Amino acid sequence: MRPLRLAFMGSPDFSVPTLDALISAGHEIACVYTQPPKPAGRGRKLRPTPVQAHADDLSLPVRTPASLKGKTEQDAFAALNLDAAVVIAYGLILPQIILDAPHIGAMNLHASTLPRWRGAAPIQRAIMAGDRMTGVDAMVMEAGLDTGPVLASETCRIFPFDTAGELHDRLAALAADLAPRALEGWAEGRLHPRLQDEAGVTYAHKITAEDQRIDWTRPAAELDCQIRGLSPFPGAWFEWTPPGADAPLRIKALMSERVDSAGAPGAALDDALGIACGEGALRITRLQRPGRGPMEAADFLRGSPIPAGTVLA
């Protein structure tokens, strides 16, 4: 097919492979839209999004509006004379006038099999819920939150030891493979959007501080999903007070495994971070203490032993 003139709209690392895939497929990127640079690091220096950094390396035109609700930005978008917009993890609301501007329309790549896990955190929520399958959907965008009809889907298994970081990388590759095929099929009339089944709707709400704290009274199976679903970022955490310390340390649990044991919730059952839960027990195998990088639990325990009988909060 002829190359399409596109706006690419994305922000995090997850979006970058799809941008490369559209370029490799021969399509013209008229402009890249991404969120504005944000302060980062100790110096609070403005840091561009991964998409902007990659687009700059490729010498692509980039725009970073804080909103697309103003007439100036809307007129500038319409003036691009686009065939389509491809959106993946952009992070800004697209008003209807933006969705209507491209000749074909706007297509979104979403990291779930809709209508399950509409919203901001589908990868994390899928693991946290104990789902065994997920995927990527290409959908025609509407004004609602991930409500548009689906053009094409690819599924992906969630393995028992997957973290959100590992699943993120697999789904990013899956989205990059799907995007050109779905876009071209839509443009040529070979793919016809199918409405989502409203009976299966669930929402992947943004991760909050409440989601991160480990409640040891919950079953081990649920806590294992919580830990893996929040790893490596932002991390599920518990508190431990070292001997002689005035205040507890907040320790992030980054990986765990279920163990066949039981005890009072939060109690260390051995010297290797086997912790009793409300039902069953977990062993923390990878963790991160404040101000340090991630490390294996065995390495942490050599310098900071947590003996059997210790109660974690």
C-alpha atoms as a PDB file:
ATOM      1  CA  MET A   1       0.000   0.000   0.000  1.00  0.00           C
ATOM      2  CA  ARG A   2       1.038   3.629  -0.321  1.00  0.00           C
ATOM      3  CA  PRO A   3       2.832   5.125   2.677  1.00  0.00           C
ATOM      4  CA  LEU A   4       0.494   6.828   5.132  1.00  0.00           C
ATOM      5  CA  ARG A   5       1.115  10.267   6.600  1.00  0.00           C
ATOM      6  CA  LEU A   6       0.915   9.819  10.371  1.00  0.00           C
ATOM      7  CA  ALA A   7       1.056  11.588  13.679  1.00  0.00           C
ATOM      8  CA  PHE A   8       2.634   9.334  16.280  1.00  0.00           C
ATOM      9  CA  MET A   9       1.477  10.016  19.837  1.00  0.00           C
ATOM     10  CA  GLY A  10       3.247   8.293  22.733  1.00  0.00           C
ATOM     11  CA  SER A  11       5.461   9.005  25.709  1.00  0.00           C
ATOM     12  CA  PRO A  12       7.133   6.127  27.673  1.00  0.00           C
ATOM     13  CA  ASP A  13       9.585   3.395  26.702  1.00  0.00           C
ATOM     14  CA  PHE A  14       6.615   1.167  25.883  1.00  0.00           C
ATOM     15  CA  SER A  15       5.798   3.352  22.863  1.00  0.00           C
ATOM     16  CA  VAL A  16       9.235   3.449  21.225  1.00  0.00           C
ATOM     17  CA  PRO A  17       9.220   0.046  19.440  1.00  0.00           C
ATOM     18  CA  THR A  18       5.911   0.921  17.747  1.00  0.00           C
ATOM     19  CA  LEU A  19       7.342   4.178  16.415  1.00  0.00           C
ATOM     20  CA  ASP A  20      10.264   2.240  14.930  1.00  0.00           C
ATOM     21  CA  ALA A  21       7.917  -0.363  13.437  1.00  0.00           C
ATOM     22  CA  LEU A  22       5.830   2.268  11.635  1.00  0.00           C
ATOM     23  CA  ILE A  23       8.950   3.862  10.204  1.00  0.00           C
ATOM     24  CA  SER A  24      10.299   0.473   9.109  1.00  0.00           C
ATOM     25  CA  ALA A  25       6.977  -0.210   7.373  1.00  0.00           C
ATOM     26  CA  GLY A  26       7.599   2.864   5.207  1.00  0.00           C
ATOM     27  CA  HIS A  27       5.075   5.267   6.683  1.00  0.00           C
ATOM     28  CA  GLU A  28       5.759   8.997   6.969  1.00  0.00           C
ATOM     29  CA  ILE A  29       5.846  10.405  10.482  1.00  0.00           C
ATOM     30  CA  ALA A  30       4.637  13.975   9.963  1.00  0.00           C
ATOM     31  CA  CYS A  31       4.969  14.781  13.650  1.00  0.00           C
ATOM     32  CA  VAL A  32       5.588  13.064  16.977  1.00  0.00           C
ATOM     33  CA  TYR A  33       3.424  14.166  19.893  1.00  0.00           C
ATOM     34  CA  THR A  34       4.599  13.375  23.410  1.00  0.00           C
ATOM     35  CA  GLN A  35       4.195  14.724  26.924  1.00  0.00           C
ATOM     36  CA  PRO A  36       6.294  17.754  27.916  1.00  0.00           C
ATOM     37  CA  PRO A  37       9.704  17.242  29.557  1.00  0.00           C
ATOM     38  CA  LYS A  38       9.515  16.906  33.335  1.00  0.00           C
ATOM     39  CA  PRO A  39      11.997  17.690  36.129  1.00  0.00           C
ATOM     40  CA  ALA A  40      14.033  14.641  37.099  1.00  0.00           C
ATOM     41  CA  GLY A  41      17.080  13.708  39.160  1.00  0.00           C
ATOM     42  CA  ARG A  42      18.744  15.595  41.962  1.00  0.00           C
ATOM     43  CA  GLY A  43      19.202  18.722  39.858  1.00  0.00           C
ATOM     44  CA  ARG A  44      15.548  18.655  38.747  1.00  0.00           C
ATOM     45  CA  LYS A  45      16.689  19.217  35.185  1.00  0.00           C
ATOM     46  CA  LEU A  46      13.989  18.869  32.554  1.00  0.00           C
ATOM     47  CA  ARG A  47      14.106  15.401  31.012  1.00  0.00           C
ATOM     48  CA  PRO A  48      12.317  14.559  27.752  1.00  0.00           C
ATOM     49  CA  THR A  49      10.148  11.481  27.481  1.00  0.00           C
ATOM     50  CA  PRO A  50      11.752   8.369  25.968  1.00  0.00           C
ATOM     51  CA  VAL A  51       9.691   8.957  22.819  1.00  0.00           C
ATOM     52  CA  GLN A  52      10.948  12.524  22.452  1.00  0.00           C
ATOM     53  CA  ALA A  53      14.549  11.458  23.015  1.00  0.00           C
ATOM     54  CA  HIS A  54      14.203   8.753  20.358  1.00  0.00           C
ATOM     55  CA  ALA A  55      12.403  11.064  17.917  1.00  0.00           C
ATOM     56  CA  ASP A  56      15.134  13.675  18.348  1.00  0.00           C
ATOM     57  CA  ASP A  57      17.740  11.030  17.522  1.00  0.00           C
ATOM     58  CA  LEU A  58      15.798  10.266  14.337  1.00  0.00           C
ATOM     59  CA  SER A  59      15.445  14.001  13.485  1.00  0.00           C
ATOM     60  CA  LEU A  60      11.649  13.765  13.540  1.00  0.00           C
ATOM     61  CA  PRO A  61       9.540  16.863  14.273  1.00  0.00           C
ATOM     62  CA  VAL A  62       8.277  16.796  17.856  1.00  0.00           C
ATOM     63  CA  ARG A  63       5.543  18.694  19.661  1.00  0.00           C
ATOM     64  CA  THR A  64       5.047  18.581  23.434  1.00  0.00           C
ATOM     65  CA  PRO A  65       1.801  20.404  24.271  1.00  0.00           C
ATOM     66  CA  ALA A  66       0.561  20.234  27.831  1.00  0.00           C
ATOM     67  CA  SER A  67      -2.980  19.941  26.442  1.00  0.00           C
ATOM     68  CA  LEU A  68      -4.753  19.501  23.129  1.00  0.00           C
ATOM     69  CA  LYS A  69      -7.901  21.316  24.231  1.00  0.00           C
ATOM     70  CA  GLY A  70      -6.901  24.756  22.895  1.00  0.00           C
ATOM     71  CA  LYS A  71      -7.720  26.040  19.411  1.00  0.00           C
ATOM     72  CA  THR A  72      -4.099  26.818  18.569  1.00  0.00           C
ATOM     73  CA  GLU A  73      -2.977  23.233  19.116  1.00  0.00           C
ATOM     74  CA  GLN A  74      -6.055  21.843  17.394  1.00  0.00           C
ATOM     75  CA  ASP A  75      -5.490  24.009  14.314  1.00  0.00           C
ATOM     76  CA  ALA A  76      -1.819  22.991  14.201  1.00  0.00           C
ATOM     77  CA  PHE A  77      -2.821  19.323  14.348  1.00  0.00           C
ATOM     78  CA  ALA A  78      -5.412  19.740  11.561  1.00  0.00           C
ATOM     79  CA  ALA A  79      -2.839  21.529   9.414  1.00  0.00           C
ATOM     80  CA  LEU A  80      -0.679  18.374   9.342  1.00  0.00           C
ATOM     81  CA  ASN A  81      -3.149  16.910   6.816  1.00  0.00           C
ATOM     82  CA  LEU A  82      -2.829  13.412   8.260  1.00  0.00           C
ATOM     83  CA  ASP A  83      -4.045  10.092   6.977  1.00  0.00           C
ATOM     84  CA  ALA A  84      -4.121   8.727  10.536  1.00  0.00           C
ATOM     85  CA  ALA A  85      -2.870   9.142  14.084  1.00  0.00           C
ATOM     86  CA  VAL A  86      -1.318   6.198  15.935  1.00  0.00           C
ATOM     87  CA  VAL A  87      -1.535   6.482  19.718  1.00  0.00           C
ATOM     88  CA  ILE A  88       0.185   4.290  22.296  1.00  0.00           C
ATOM     89  CA  ALA A  89       0.537   5.274  25.960  1.00  0.00           C
ATOM     90  CA  TYR A  90       0.430   8.995  25.148  1.00  0.00           C
ATOM     91  CA  GLY A  91      -1.005  10.123  28.465  1.00  0.00           C
ATOM     92  CA  LEU A  92      -3.104  13.096  27.326  1.00  0.00           C
ATOM     93  CA  ILE A  93      -6.818  13.254  26.573  1.00  0.00           C
ATOM     94  CA  LEU A  94      -7.586  13.609  22.865  1.00  0.00           C
ATOM     95  CA  PRO A  95     -10.657  15.802  22.241  1.00  0.00           C
ATOM     96  CA  GLN A  96     -13.089  14.696  19.547  1.00  0.00           C
ATOM     97  CA  ILE A  97     -11.867  17.417  17.184  1.00  0.00           C
ATOM     98  CA  ILE A  98      -8.380  15.826  17.314  1.00  0.00           C
ATOM     99  CA  LEU A  99      -9.778  12.335  16.725  1.00  0.00           C
ATOM    100  CA  ASP A 100     -11.747  13.592  13.730  1.00  0.00           C
ATOM    101  CA  ALA A 101      -8.883  15.488  12.063  1.00  0.00           C
ATOM    102  CA  PRO A 102      -7.037  12.598  10.283  1.00  0.00           C
ATOM    103  CA  HIS A 103      -8.692  11.320   7.085  1.00  0.00           C
ATOM    104  CA  ILE A 104      -8.910   7.707   8.337  1.00  0.00           C
ATOM    105  CA  GLY A 105      -9.043   8.396  12.059  1.00  0.00           C
ATOM    106  CA  ALA A 106      -6.998   7.616  15.161  1.00  0.00           C
ATOM    107  CA  MET A 107      -5.862   4.140  16.200  1.00  0.00           C
ATOM    108  CA  ASN A 108      -4.772   3.268  19.727  1.00  0.00           C
ATOM    109  CA  LEU A 109      -2.589   0.342  20.836  1.00  0.00           C
ATOM    110  CA  HIS A 110      -3.676  -0.772  24.322  1.00  0.00           C
ATOM    111  CA  ALA A 111      -1.865  -3.323  26.489  1.00  0.00           C
ATOM    112  CA  SER A 112      -4.772  -5.628  27.288  1.00  0.00           C
ATOM    113  CA  THR A 113      -7.470  -7.661  25.571  1.00  0.00           C
ATOM    114  CA  LEU A 114     -10.386  -5.282  25.773  1.00  0.00           C
ATOM    115  CA  PRO A 115     -12.799  -4.787  27.383  1.00  0.00           C
ATOM    116  CA  ARG A 116     -10.729  -6.217  30.262  1.00  0.00           C
ATOM    117  CA  TRP A 117      -8.443  -3.636  31.854  1.00  0.00           C
ATOM    118  CA  ARG A 118      -9.434  -0.381  30.262  1.00  0.00           C
ATOM    119  CA  GLY A 119      -7.444   2.464  31.746  1.00  0.00           C
ATOM    120  CA  ALA A 120      -4.051   3.534  33.015  1.00  0.00           C
ATOM    121  CA  ALA A 121      -2.325   0.430  34.408  1.00  0.00           C
ATOM    122  CA  PRO A 122      -3.408  -2.664  32.439  1.00  0.00           C
ATOM    123  CA  ILE A 123      -0.085  -4.518  32.705  1.00  0.00           C
ATOM    124  CA  GLN A 124       0.206  -4.166  36.466  1.00  0.00           C
ATOM    125  CA  ARG A 125      -3.466  -4.885  37.116  1.00  0.00           C
ATOM    126  CA  ALA A 126      -3.470  -8.047  34.992  1.00  0.00           C
ATOM    127  CA  ILE A 127      -0.655  -9.575  37.053  1.00  0.00           C
ATOM    128  CA  MET A 128      -2.057  -8.318  40.345  1.00  0.00           C
ATOM    129  CA  ALA A 129      -5.389  -9.971  39.541  1.00  0.00           C
ATOM    130  CA  GLY A 130      -3.732 -13.297  38.775  1.00  0.00           C
ATOM    131  CA  ASP A 131      -4.719 -13.274  35.077  1.00  0.00           C
ATOM    132  CA  ARG A 132      -3.135 -16.007  32.971  1.00  0.00           C
ATOM    133  CA  MET A 133      -3.553 -14.267  29.602  1.00  0.00           C
ATOM    134  CA  THR A 134      -3.380 -10.717  28.303  1.00  0.00           C
ATOM    135  CA  GLY A 135      -2.394  -9.103  25.023  1.00  0.00           C
ATOM    136  CA  VAL A 136      -2.494  -5.980  22.874  1.00  0.00           C
ATOM    137  CA  ASP A 137      -5.533  -4.554  21.098  1.00  0.00           C
ATOM    138  CA  ALA A 138      -5.539  -2.101  18.213  1.00  0.00           C
ATOM    139  CA  MET A 139      -8.731  -0.068  18.429  1.00  0.00           C
ATOM    140  CA  VAL A 140     -10.373   2.862  16.714  1.00  0.00           C
ATOM    141  CA  MET A 141     -10.294   5.722  19.186  1.00  0.00           C
ATOM    142  CA  GLU A 142     -13.418   7.299  20.646  1.00  0.00           C
ATOM    143  CA  ALA A 143     -13.769  10.033  23.240  1.00  0.00           C
ATOM    144  CA  GLY A 144     -14.428   7.437  25.994  1.00  0.00           C
ATOM    145  CA  LEU A 145     -11.698   5.709  27.995  1.00  0.00           C
ATOM    146  CA  ASP A 146     -10.567   2.762  25.820  1.00  0.00           C
ATOM    147  CA  THR A 147     -14.136   2.214  24.628  1.00  0.00           C
ATOM    148  CA  GLY A 148     -13.507   2.150  20.866  1.00  0.00           C
ATOM    149  CA  PRO A 149     -14.185  -0.799  18.560  1.00  0.00           C
ATOM    150  CA  VAL A 150     -11.314  -3.254  18.159  1.00  0.00           C
ATOM    151  CA  LEU A 151      -9.548  -3.713  14.819  1.00  0.00           C
ATOM    152  CA  ALA A 152      -7.132  -6.520  15.700  1.00  0.00           C
ATOM    153  CA  SER A 153      -5.728  -8.337  18.723  1.00  0.00           C
ATOM    154  CA  GLU A 154      -2.689 -10.352  19.738  1.00  0.00           C
ATOM    155  CA  THR A 155      -2.668 -12.432  22.914  1.00  0.00           C
ATOM    156  CA  CYS A 156       0.159 -13.199  25.301  1.00  0.00           C
ATOM    157  CA  ARG A 157       0.495 -15.636  28.195  1.00  0.00           C
ATOM    158  CA  ILE A 158       1.288 -14.358  31.682  1.00  0.00           C
ATOM    159  CA  PHE A 159       3.739 -16.819  33.221  1.00  0.00           C
ATOM    160  CA  PRO A 160       3.711 -17.640  36.958  1.00  0.00           C
ATOM    161  CA  PHE A 161       6.960 -15.778  37.622  1.00  0.00           C
ATOM    162  CA  ASP A 162       6.377 -12.781  35.348  1.00  0.00           C
ATOM    163  CA  THR A 163       6.979  -9.318  36.742  1.00  0.00           C
ATOM    164  CA  ALA A 164       5.337  -6.214  35.315  1.00  0.00           C
ATOM    165  CA  GLY A 165       8.691  -5.238  33.838  1.00  0.00           C
ATOM    166  CA  GLU A 166       9.074  -8.503  31.951  1.00  0.00           C
ATOM    167  CA  LEU A 167       5.494  -8.490  30.688  1.00  0.00           C
ATOM    168  CA  HIS A 168       5.867  -4.823  29.690  1.00  0.00           C
ATOM    169  CA  ASP A 169       8.747  -5.666  27.366  1.00  0.00           C
ATOM    170  CA  ARG A 170       6.920  -8.576  25.715  1.00  0.00           C
ATOM    171  CA  LEU A 171       3.782  -6.522  25.160  1.00  0.00           C
ATOM    172  CA  ALA A 172       5.776  -3.594  23.768  1.00  0.00           C
ATOM    173  CA  ALA A 173       7.227  -5.947  21.142  1.00  0.00           C
ATOM    174  CA  LEU A 174       3.768  -7.371  20.452  1.00  0.00           C
ATOM    175  CA  ALA A 175       2.338  -3.869  19.946  1.00  0.00           C
ATOM    176  CA  ALA A 176       5.133  -3.008  17.519  1.00  0.00           C
ATOM    177  CA  ASP A 177       4.372  -6.117  15.485  1.00  0.00           C
ATOM    178  CA  LEU A 178       0.625  -5.480  15.483  1.00  0.00           C
ATOM    179  CA  ALA A 179       0.546  -1.729  14.769  1.00  0.00           C
ATOM    180  CA  PRO A 180       1.563  -1.664  11.066  1.00  0.00           C
ATOM    181  CA  ARG A 181      -0.615  -4.678  10.224  1.00  0.00           C
ATOM    182  CA  ALA A 182      -3.692  -3.262  11.954  1.00  0.00           C
ATOM    183  CA  LEU A 183      -3.184   0.228  10.520  1.00  0.00           C
ATOM    184  CA  GLU A 184      -2.741  -1.002   6.965  1.00  0.00           C
ATOM    185  CA  GLY A 185      -5.642  -3.436   7.211  1.00  0.00           C
ATOM    186  CA  TRP A 186      -7.880  -0.644   8.467  1.00  0.00           C
ATOM    187  CA  ALA A 187      -6.745   1.806   5.781  1.00  0.00           C
ATOM    188  CA  GLU A 188      -7.337  -0.745   3.007  1.00  0.00           C
ATOM    189  CA  GLY A 189     -10.726  -1.840   4.327  1.00  0.00           C
ATOM    190  CA  ARG A 190      -9.602  -5.401   5.098  1.00  0.00           C
ATOM    191  CA  LEU A 191     -10.153  -5.008   8.853  1.00  0.00           C
ATOM    192  CA  HIS A 192     -13.540  -4.038  10.219  1.00  0.00           C
ATOM    193  CA  PRO A 193     -13.864  -2.720  13.785  1.00  0.00           C
ATOM    194  CA  ARG A 194     -15.859  -4.904  16.190  1.00  0.00           C
ATOM    195  CA  LEU A 195     -17.668  -3.447  19.177  1.00  0.00           C
ATOM    196  CA  GLN A 196     -16.436  -4.328  22.641  1.00  0.00           C
ATOM    197  CA  ASP A 197     -18.595  -6.530  24.860  1.00  0.00           C
ATOM    198  CA  GLU A 198     -19.682  -4.227  27.667  1.00  0.00           C
ATOM    199  CA  ALA A 199     -20.423  -7.229  29.888  1.00  0.00           C
ATOM    200  CA  GLY A 200     -16.694  -7.906  30.343  1.00  0.00           C
ATOM    201  CA  VAL A 201     -15.519  -4.400  31.257  1.00  0.00           C
ATOM    202  CA  THR A 202     -12.935  -4.005  34.044  1.00  0.00           C
ATOM    203  CA  TYR A 203     -10.849  -0.919  34.828  1.00  0.00           C
ATOM    204  CA  ALA A 204      -7.113  -0.765  35.376  1.00  0.00           C
ATOM    205  CA  HIS A 205      -7.054   2.168  37.746  1.00  0.00           C
ATOM    206  CA  LYS A 206      -3.835   4.092  38.281  1.00  0.00           C
ATOM    207  CA  ILE A 207      -1.545   2.516  40.890  1.00  0.00           C
ATOM    208  CA  THR A 208      -1.851   4.281  44.241  1.00  0.00           C
ATOM    209  CA  ALA A 209       0.158   4.274  47.459  1.00  0.00           C
ATOM    210  CA  GLU A 210      -2.507   2.036  48.986  1.00  0.00           C
ATOM    211  CA  ASP A 211      -1.837  -0.590  46.306  1.00  0.00           C
ATOM    212  CA  GLN A 212       1.843  -0.729  47.246  1.00  0.00           C
ATOM    213  CA  ARG A 213       1.773  -1.630  50.942  1.00  0.00           C
ATOM    214  CA  ILE A 214       1.925  -5.362  51.676  1.00  0.00           C
ATOM    215  CA  ASP A 215      -0.785  -6.559  54.051  1.00  0.00           C
ATOM    216  CA  TRP A 216       0.515  -9.845  55.436  1.00  0.00           C
ATOM    217  CA  THR A 217      -2.981 -10.917  56.484  1.00  0.00           C
ATOM    218  CA  ARG A 218      -3.869 -11.473  52.815  1.00  0.00           C
ATOM    219  CA  PRO A 219      -3.317 -14.899  51.181  1.00  0.00           C
ATOM    220  CA  ALA A 220       0.182 -15.653  49.882  1.00  0.00           C
ATOM    221  CA  ALA A 221      -1.147 -16.172  46.337  1.00  0.00           C
ATOM    222  CA  GLU A 222      -2.564 -12.631  46.270  1.00  0.00           C
ATOM    223  CA  LEU A 223       0.572 -11.073  47.735  1.00  0.00           C
ATOM    224  CA  ASP A 224       2.787 -12.862  45.217  1.00  0.00           C
ATOM    225  CA  CYS A 225       0.691 -11.334  42.417  1.00  0.00           C
ATOM    226  CA  GLN A 226       0.880  -7.911  44.082  1.00  0.00           C
ATOM    227  CA  ILE A 227       4.663  -8.076  44.402  1.00  0.00           C
ATOM    228  CA  ARG A 228       5.251  -9.206  40.819  1.00  0.00           C
ATOM    229  CA  GLY A 229       2.656  -6.799  39.432  1.00  0.00           C
ATOM    230  CA  LEU A 230       4.441  -3.814  40.998  1.00  0.00           C
ATOM    231  CA  SER A 231       7.982  -4.923  40.154  1.00  0.00           C
ATOM    232  CA  PRO A 232      10.307  -3.243  39.384  1.00  0.00           C
ATOM    233  CA  PHE A 233       8.330   0.001  39.774  1.00  0.00           C
ATOM    234  CA  PRO A 234       6.831   1.390  41.933  1.00  0.00           C
ATOM    235  CA  GLY A 235       7.346  -1.679  44.126  1.00  0.00           C
ATOM    236  CA  ALA A 236       5.268  -3.333  46.849  1.00  0.00           C
ATOM    237  CA  TRP A 237       6.737  -2.642  50.278  1.00  0.00           C
ATOM    238  CA  PHE A 238       6.808  -3.730  53.899  1.00  0.00           C
ATOM    239  CA  GLU A 239       8.470  -2.237  56.964  1.00  0.00           C
ATOM    240  CA  TRP A 240      11.272  -3.740  59.032  1.00  0.00           C
ATOM    241  CA  THR A 241      12.968  -2.150  62.038  1.00  0.00           C
ATOM    242  CA  PRO A 242      16.645  -3.143  62.288  1.00  0.00           C
ATOM    243  CA  PRO A 243      17.962  -3.873  65.794  1.00  0.00           C
ATOM    244  CA  GLY A 244      18.776  -0.604  67.575  1.00  0.00           C
ATOM    245  CA  ALA A 245      17.112   1.560  64.938  1.00  0.00           C
ATOM    246  CA  ASP A 246      14.763   4.369  65.926  1.00  0.00           C
ATOM    247  CA  ALA A 247      12.484   4.000  62.910  1.00  0.00           C
ATOM    248  CA  PRO A 248      11.505   1.244  60.498  1.00  0.00           C
ATOM    249  CA  LEU A 249      12.930   0.901  57.005  1.00  0.00           C
ATOM    250  CA  ARG A 250      10.602   0.655  54.052  1.00  0.00           C
ATOM    251  CA  ILE A 251      11.759  -2.363  52.018  1.00  0.00           C
ATOM    252  CA  LYS A 252      10.489  -2.982  48.496  1.00  0.00           C
ATOM    253  CA  ALA A 253       9.783  -6.610  47.658  1.00  0.00           C
ATOM    254  CA  LEU A 254      10.564  -7.100  43.967  1.00  0.00           C
ATOM    255  CA  MET A 255      10.226 -10.874  43.597  1.00  0.00           C
ATOM    256  CA  SER A 256       8.765 -13.682  45.676  1.00  0.00           C
ATOM    257  CA  GLU A 257       7.828 -17.318  45.601  1.00  0.00           C
ATOM    258  CA  ARG A 258       5.198 -19.277  47.490  1.00  0.00           C
ATOM    259  CA  VAL A 259       6.391 -21.738  50.129  1.00  0.00           C
ATOM    260  CA  ASP A 260       4.607 -24.562  51.898  1.00  0.00           C
ATOM    261  CA  SER A 261       4.473 -23.215  55.430  1.00  0.00           C
ATOM    262  CA  ALA A 262       2.237 -21.235  57.781  1.00  0.00           C
ATOM    263  CA  GLY A 263       2.334 -19.024  60.844  1.00  0.00           C
ATOM    264  CA  ALA A 264       1.192 -15.718  62.275  1.00  0.00           C
ATOM    265  CA  PRO A 265       0.850 -13.186  59.418  1.00  0.00           C
ATOM    266  CA  GLY A 266       4.019 -11.108  59.002  1.00  0.00           C
ATOM    267  CA  ALA A 267       6.229 -13.421  61.042  1.00  0.00           C
ATOM    268  CA  ALA A 268       9.545 -14.605  59.602  1.00  0.00           C
ATOM    269  CA  LEU A 269       9.408 -18.396  59.546  1.00  0.00           C
ATOM    270  CA  ASP A 270      13.121 -18.891  58.929  1.00  0.00           C
ATOM    271  CA  ASP A 271      16.317 -16.887  58.421  1.00  0.00           C
ATOM    272  CA  ALA A 272      15.794 -16.636  54.629  1.00  0.00           C
ATOM    273  CA  LEU A 273      12.789 -14.271  54.475  1.00  0.00           C
ATOM    274  CA  GLY A 274      10.095 -16.900  54.445  1.00  0.00           C
ATOM    275  CA  ILE A 275       7.140 -14.858  55.713  1.00  0.00           C
ATOM    276  CA  ALA A 276       3.804 -16.148  56.943  1.00  0.00           C
ATOM    277  CA  CYS A 277       0.704 -14.730  55.309  1.00  0.00           C
ATOM    278  CA  GLY A 278      -2.999 -14.869  56.116  1.00  0.00           C
ATOM    279  CA  GLU A 279      -3.084 -18.078  54.100  1.00  0.00           C
ATOM    280  CA  GLY A 280       0.181 -19.859  53.292  1.00  0.00           C
ATOM    281  CA  ALA A 281       3.568 -18.154  53.126  1.00  0.00           C
ATOM    282  CA  LEU A 282       5.933 -16.332  50.774  1.00  0.00           C
ATOM    283  CA  ARG A 283       9.693 -16.111  50.439  1.00  0.00           C
ATOM    284  CA  ILE A 284      11.019 -12.721  49.340  1.00  0.00           C
ATOM    285  CA  THR A 285      13.813 -13.456  46.837  1.00  0.00           C
ATOM    286  CA  ARG A 286      14.643  -9.987  45.509  1.00  0.00           C
ATOM    287  CA  LEU A 287      14.276  -6.644  47.247  1.00  0.00           C
ATOM    288  CA  GLN A 288      15.411  -3.036  47.480  1.00  0.00           C
ATOM    289  CA  ARG A 289      16.176  -0.978  50.569  1.00  0.00           C
ATOM    290  CA  PRO A 290      15.965   2.851  50.629  1.00  0.00           C
ATOM    291  CA  GLY A 291      18.756   4.576  48.721  1.00  0.00           C
ATOM    292  CA  ARG A 292      20.103   1.326  47.263  1.00  0.00           C
ATOM    293  CA  GLY A 293      19.656  -0.604  44.053  1.00  0.00           C
ATOM    294  CA  PRO A 294      17.725  -3.860  43.684  1.00  0.00           C
ATOM    295  CA  MET A 295      19.503  -6.905  45.089  1.00  0.00           C
ATOM    296  CA  GLU A 296      19.003 -10.579  45.769  1.00  0.00           C
ATOM    297  CA  ALA A 297      17.521 -11.221  49.190  1.00  0.00           C
ATOM    298  CA  ALA A 298      20.374 -13.597  50.070  1.00  0.00           C
ATOM    299  CA  ASP A 299      22.886 -10.774  49.545  1.00  0.00           C
ATOM    300  CA  PHE A 300      20.809  -8.394  51.668  1.00  0.00           C
ATOM    301  CA  LEU A 301      20.517 -10.907  54.514  1.00  0.00           C
ATOM    302  CA  ARG A 302      24.282 -11.421  54.716  1.00  0.00           C
ATOM    303  CA  GLY A 303      24.631  -7.814  55.870  1.00  0.00           C
ATOM    304  CA  SER A 304      21.236  -7.311  57.475  1.00  0.00           C
ATOM    305  CA  PRO A 305      19.926 -10.581  58.938  1.00  0.00           C
ATOM    306  CA  ILE A 306      16.208 -10.884  59.623  1.00  0.00           C
ATOM    307  CA  PRO A 307      16.027 -13.917  61.925  1.00  0.00           C
ATOM    308  CA  ALA A 308      13.106 -16.291  62.363  1.00  0.00           C
ATOM    309  CA  GLY A 309      10.517 -14.820  64.695  1.00  0.00           C
ATOM    310  CA  THR A 310      10.935 -11.246  63.434  1.00  0.00           C
ATOM    311  CA  VAL A 311       7.552  -9.660  62.738  1.00  0.00           C
ATOM    312  CA  LEU A 312       7.313  -7.451  59.650  1.00  0.00           C
ATOM    313  CA  ALA A 313       4.792  -4.635  59.387  1.00  0.00           C
END
